[in-house]
Amino acid sequence: MKIEMKDGQPVVDAADLASLFDLTVDEVRAKMANAEITSRFETGVGEDAGKFRMTFLHAGRRLRLTCSEDGTVLKTTRIDTGAR
């Protein structure tokens, strides 16, 4: 999986998120539009310079994608936060 950057902002394919959240593409789009899926974008500093991280929250689950500078996903973590 690879995250594309457009004008300095990450763009994640809805199909990739759908598979990681066990949703359909249409559900992902609707839930993002309704703020039921939220996201956070962070850039690395120090020893993590050149990397970035995207975190998505939905229905008590956290999905985190750690990426290289070119957008290649290096690590994917999914946890149940218990918060709904």
Protein backbone atom coordinates (compact mmCIF):
# COMPACT_ATOMS: atom_id res chain seq x y z
CA MET A 1 0.00 0.00 0.00
CA LYS A 2 1.21 3.49 -0.79
CA ILE A 3 -0.09 6.88 0.31
CA GLU A 4 -0.05 9.57 -2.35
CA MET A 5 0.84 13.15 -1.47
CA LYS A 6 -1.04 15.99 -3.19
CA ASP A 7 -0.13 19.58 -2.36
CA GLY A 8 1.58 18.42 0.83
CA GLN A 9 -1.44 16.47 2.05
CA PRO A 10 -1.76 12.67 2.16
CA VAL A 11 -4.42 10.98 0.05
CA VAL A 12 -5.45 7.46 1.06
CA ASP A 13 -7.38 5.25 -1.33
CA ALA A 14 -10.85 4.55 0.11
CA ALA A 15 -10.52 0.91 -0.97
CA ASP A 16 -7.41 0.54 1.22
CA LEU A 17 -9.21 1.99 4.25
CA ALA A 18 -12.28 -0.12 3.53
CA SER A 19 -10.29 -3.34 3.66
CA LEU A 20 -8.48 -2.31 6.85
CA PHE A 21 -11.73 -1.33 8.63
CA ASP A 22 -13.80 -4.21 7.16
CA LEU A 23 -16.14 -1.73 5.45
CA THR A 24 -17.21 -1.10 1.88
CA VAL A 25 -15.75 1.77 -0.12
CA ASP A 26 -19.12 3.54 -0.04
CA GLU A 27 -19.29 3.15 3.75
CA VAL A 28 -15.81 4.65 4.13
CA ARG A 29 -16.70 7.64 1.97
CA ALA A 30 -19.98 8.24 3.82
CA LYS A 31 -18.38 7.84 7.26
CA MET A 32 -15.55 10.22 6.37
CA ALA A 33 -18.04 12.78 5.05
CA ASN A 34 -20.04 12.47 8.30
CA ALA A 35 -16.91 12.60 10.50
CA GLU A 36 -17.54 9.04 11.73
CA ILE A 37 -14.02 8.24 10.54
CA THR A 38 -11.53 10.88 11.61
CA SER A 39 -7.87 11.16 10.75
CA ARG A 40 -4.66 12.75 11.92
CA PHE A 41 -1.47 13.37 9.94
CA GLU A 42 1.92 13.71 11.63
CA THR A 43 5.39 14.20 10.20
CA GLY A 44 8.46 12.67 11.80
CA VAL A 45 11.21 14.64 13.52
CA GLY A 46 14.65 13.67 14.76
CA GLU A 47 15.37 10.02 14.02
CA ASP A 48 11.94 9.75 12.34
CA ALA A 49 12.56 12.67 9.96
CA GLY A 50 11.45 11.76 6.45
CA LYS A 51 8.64 9.53 7.69
CA PHE A 52 5.02 10.36 8.35
CA ARG A 53 2.17 8.75 10.20
CA MET A 54 -1.56 8.68 9.56
CA THR A 55 -4.00 7.67 12.28
CA PHE A 56 -7.66 6.89 11.59
CA LEU A 57 -10.30 6.46 14.29
CA HIS A 58 -13.63 4.71 13.78
CA ALA A 59 -16.08 2.94 16.09
CA GLY A 60 -13.59 2.28 18.86
CA ARG A 61 -10.82 1.19 16.51
CA ARG A 62 -7.55 2.93 15.75
CA LEU A 63 -5.71 2.31 12.52
CA ARG A 64 -2.19 3.70 12.23
CA LEU A 65 -0.10 3.76 9.05
CA THR A 66 3.59 4.61 9.39
CA CYS A 67 5.05 5.58 6.01
CA SER A 68 8.35 6.37 4.36
CA GLU A 69 8.90 9.73 2.71
CA ASP A 70 7.66 8.38 -0.65
CA GLY A 71 4.38 7.17 0.91
CA THR A 72 5.19 3.48 1.14
CA VAL A 73 3.44 2.03 4.19
CA LEU A 74 6.13 0.57 6.45
CA LYS A 75 3.92 -0.51 9.33
CA THR A 76 0.19 -0.93 9.91
CA THR A 77 -1.29 -1.27 13.38
CA ARG A 78 -4.93 -1.76 14.33
CA ILE A 79 -6.18 -1.77 17.89
CA ASP A 80 -9.50 -1.70 19.65
CA THR A 81 -9.48 1.40 21.85
CA GLY A 82 -12.76 0.50 23.54
CA ALA A 83 -14.06 4.05 22.96
CA ARG A 84 -17.15 4.28 20.81
